[in-house]
Amino acid sequence: MHIPRVFLLGALLFLTLLVYGCKDSETTLPLDSGSKSSVALSGLSECRREVTDLAAEGREDELSVSVQEGKVRFTHRGALFNCCLDSVSLQLCKYGSILRVVETPHVNQPCRCNCTFDVQGELLELESGQYWLEVAPSPDGDCAWCRVQINVR
């Protein structure tokens, strides 16, 4: 009876090392904490379309950006959240020339469905320069489908 217990502990240790040992430290970007830049939520749509099966229906995210007189406004169309979404908060993470807007959904009583929403925001106190604007579900999230290059003057 000791062999199965040892085997189980060994397997658990192996899986733990596999999960935590494979983190690629070179993809971690240094956070620019000295920046005064911030992001503000300027709009959130009602549920646009209920999504029951992501694999079958696919996901159509789109990031559109406008830059006028130094103001950067963006719309993330197709953001996927729980149907009973109460609110969304936005956080700006600046990694050199990469501006990552992190969308965090807030749901008090979740439903058993997901919907697509349109999230609108504005970047505040952004210094002049060329940037890549991304929208992601987490600060270290990958965001290849929602990256737009912008020039702020």
Protein backbone atom coordinates (compact mmCIF):
# COMPACT_ATOMS: atom_id res chain seq x y z
CA MET A 1 0.00 0.00 0.00
CA HIS A 2 2.97 2.36 0.32
CA ILE A 3 3.86 2.08 -3.36
CA PRO A 4 0.62 3.67 -4.66
CA ARG A 5 0.94 6.53 -2.18
CA VAL A 6 4.58 7.16 -3.19
CA PHE A 7 3.61 6.91 -6.85
CA LEU A 8 0.79 9.41 -6.34
CA LEU A 9 3.07 11.88 -4.55
CA GLY A 10 5.72 11.49 -7.27
CA ALA A 11 3.17 12.10 -10.01
CA LEU A 12 1.87 15.16 -8.19
CA LEU A 13 5.41 16.53 -7.81
CA PHE A 14 6.13 15.90 -11.50
CA LEU A 15 2.96 17.73 -12.58
CA THR A 16 3.75 20.65 -10.28
CA LEU A 17 7.26 21.00 -11.74
CA LEU A 18 5.89 20.68 -15.24
CA VAL A 19 3.35 23.46 -14.75
CA TYR A 20 5.55 25.91 -12.83
CA GLY A 21 8.86 24.98 -14.43
CA CYS A 22 7.78 25.82 -17.98
CA LYS A 23 7.21 29.50 -17.45
CA ASP A 24 9.26 31.40 -20.03
CA SER A 25 10.85 34.28 -18.16
CA GLU A 26 11.94 35.99 -21.38
CA THR A 27 8.33 36.73 -22.34
CA THR A 28 7.72 38.66 -19.11
CA LEU A 29 7.81 42.36 -19.88
CA PRO A 30 9.15 44.90 -17.37
CA LEU A 31 6.35 47.09 -16.06
CA ASP A 32 6.89 50.84 -16.43
CA SER A 33 5.67 51.92 -12.99
CA GLY A 34 6.81 55.55 -13.34
CA SER A 35 4.20 56.40 -15.96
CA LYS A 36 1.34 58.84 -15.20
CA SER A 37 -0.77 57.31 -17.97
CA SER A 38 -4.11 55.75 -17.09
CA VAL A 39 -7.25 54.39 -18.71
CA ALA A 40 -10.91 55.26 -18.15
CA LEU A 41 -13.98 53.27 -19.10
CA SER A 42 -16.17 55.44 -21.33
CA GLY A 43 -18.82 52.94 -22.40
CA LEU A 44 -20.11 49.38 -22.07
CA SER A 45 -22.79 47.96 -24.34
CA GLU A 46 -25.59 45.60 -23.44
CA CYS A 47 -25.16 41.96 -24.44
CA ARG A 48 -24.67 41.97 -28.23
CA ARG A 49 -24.86 38.23 -28.87
CA GLU A 50 -25.16 35.22 -26.61
CA VAL A 51 -22.42 32.68 -27.21
CA THR A 52 -23.25 29.10 -26.29
CA ASP A 53 -20.39 27.21 -27.94
CA LEU A 54 -17.12 29.06 -28.49
CA ALA A 55 -15.57 26.25 -30.50
CA ALA A 56 -18.48 26.06 -32.94
CA GLU A 57 -19.25 29.78 -33.24
CA GLY A 58 -15.74 31.15 -33.07
CA ARG A 59 -14.85 34.48 -31.55
CA GLU A 60 -14.74 37.73 -33.42
CA ASP A 61 -12.85 40.31 -31.40
CA GLU A 62 -11.98 43.63 -32.94
CA LEU A 63 -10.01 46.55 -31.55
CA SER A 64 -10.57 49.94 -33.16
CA VAL A 65 -8.64 53.04 -32.12
CA SER A 66 -8.88 56.74 -32.88
CA VAL A 67 -6.21 59.29 -32.03
CA GLN A 68 -7.20 62.96 -32.18
CA GLU A 69 -5.33 65.87 -30.65
CA GLY A 70 -3.37 63.56 -28.38
CA LYS A 71 -6.48 61.75 -27.11
CA VAL A 72 -6.64 58.00 -27.65
CA ARG A 73 -10.07 56.38 -27.68
CA PHE A 74 -10.62 52.68 -28.29
CA THR A 75 -13.45 50.20 -28.68
CA HIS A 76 -13.07 46.48 -28.05
CA ARG A 77 -15.92 44.83 -29.96
CA GLY A 78 -16.72 41.25 -29.10
CA ALA A 79 -15.37 41.17 -25.53
CA LEU A 80 -16.63 37.92 -24.03
CA PHE A 81 -18.08 38.03 -20.52
CA ASN A 82 -20.79 36.33 -18.48
CA CYS A 83 -24.33 37.27 -19.61
CA CYS A 84 -25.12 38.68 -16.15
CA LEU A 85 -22.23 41.15 -16.22
CA ASP A 86 -22.56 43.98 -13.67
CA SER A 87 -19.55 46.07 -14.70
CA VAL A 88 -16.06 46.03 -16.18
CA SER A 89 -13.00 47.74 -14.76
CA LEU A 90 -9.99 48.71 -16.84
CA GLN A 91 -6.36 48.83 -15.81
CA LEU A 92 -3.45 50.13 -17.90
CA CYS A 93 -0.16 48.24 -17.80
CA LYS A 94 2.66 49.99 -19.65
CA TYR A 95 5.63 47.91 -20.80
CA GLY A 96 7.87 50.36 -22.66
CA SER A 97 6.08 50.95 -25.98
CA ILE A 98 3.38 48.35 -25.23
CA LEU A 99 0.18 49.63 -23.60
CA ARG A 100 -1.91 46.72 -22.34
CA VAL A 101 -5.45 47.51 -21.21
CA VAL A 102 -6.66 44.76 -18.87
CA GLU A 103 -10.42 44.18 -18.81
CA THR A 104 -11.73 42.73 -15.54
CA PRO A 105 -15.38 41.67 -15.48
CA HIS A 106 -17.43 41.98 -12.30
CA VAL A 107 -20.40 39.63 -11.86
CA ASN A 108 -22.37 39.36 -8.60
CA GLN A 109 -24.70 36.55 -9.68
CA PRO A 110 -23.30 34.66 -12.69
CA CYS A 111 -25.58 33.13 -15.32
CA ARG A 112 -24.93 29.95 -17.28
CA CYS A 113 -24.17 31.81 -20.51
CA ASN A 114 -21.66 34.15 -22.10
CA CYS A 115 -22.27 37.22 -24.24
CA THR A 116 -20.21 39.50 -26.39
CA PHE A 117 -20.03 43.14 -25.34
CA ASP A 118 -18.45 46.32 -26.68
CA VAL A 119 -16.07 48.00 -24.23
CA GLN A 120 -15.05 51.62 -24.84
CA GLY A 121 -12.22 53.42 -23.13
CA GLU A 122 -9.90 56.38 -23.26
CA LEU A 123 -6.19 56.60 -22.46
CA LEU A 124 -5.32 59.58 -20.28
CA GLU A 125 -2.06 61.53 -19.88
CA LEU A 126 -0.25 59.53 -22.54
CA GLU A 127 3.14 60.92 -23.58
CA SER A 128 3.89 61.52 -27.26
CA GLY A 129 5.31 58.53 -29.05
CA GLN A 130 4.61 55.36 -30.98
CA TYR A 131 2.91 52.53 -29.09
CA TRP A 132 1.29 49.15 -29.48
CA LEU A 133 -2.14 49.17 -27.81
CA GLU A 134 -3.45 45.80 -26.64
CA VAL A 135 -6.55 44.65 -24.80
CA ALA A 136 -6.25 41.49 -22.70
CA PRO A 137 -8.00 39.63 -19.88
CA SER A 138 -4.89 39.69 -17.65
CA PRO A 139 -1.68 41.76 -17.28
CA ASP A 140 0.43 38.90 -18.65
CA GLY A 141 -2.17 37.76 -21.20
CA ASP A 142 -1.34 37.13 -24.84
CA CYS A 143 -3.09 39.50 -27.17
CA ALA A 144 -2.09 38.86 -30.78
CA TRP A 145 -5.65 39.34 -32.10
CA CYS A 146 -6.17 42.71 -30.45
CA ARG A 147 -3.03 44.72 -31.07
CA VAL A 148 -3.01 48.07 -32.88
CA GLN A 149 -0.09 50.42 -33.48
CA ILE A 150 -0.78 54.06 -32.62
CA ASN A 151 1.10 57.36 -32.90
CA VAL A 152 0.42 59.98 -30.23
CA ARG A 153 1.57 63.54 -30.91
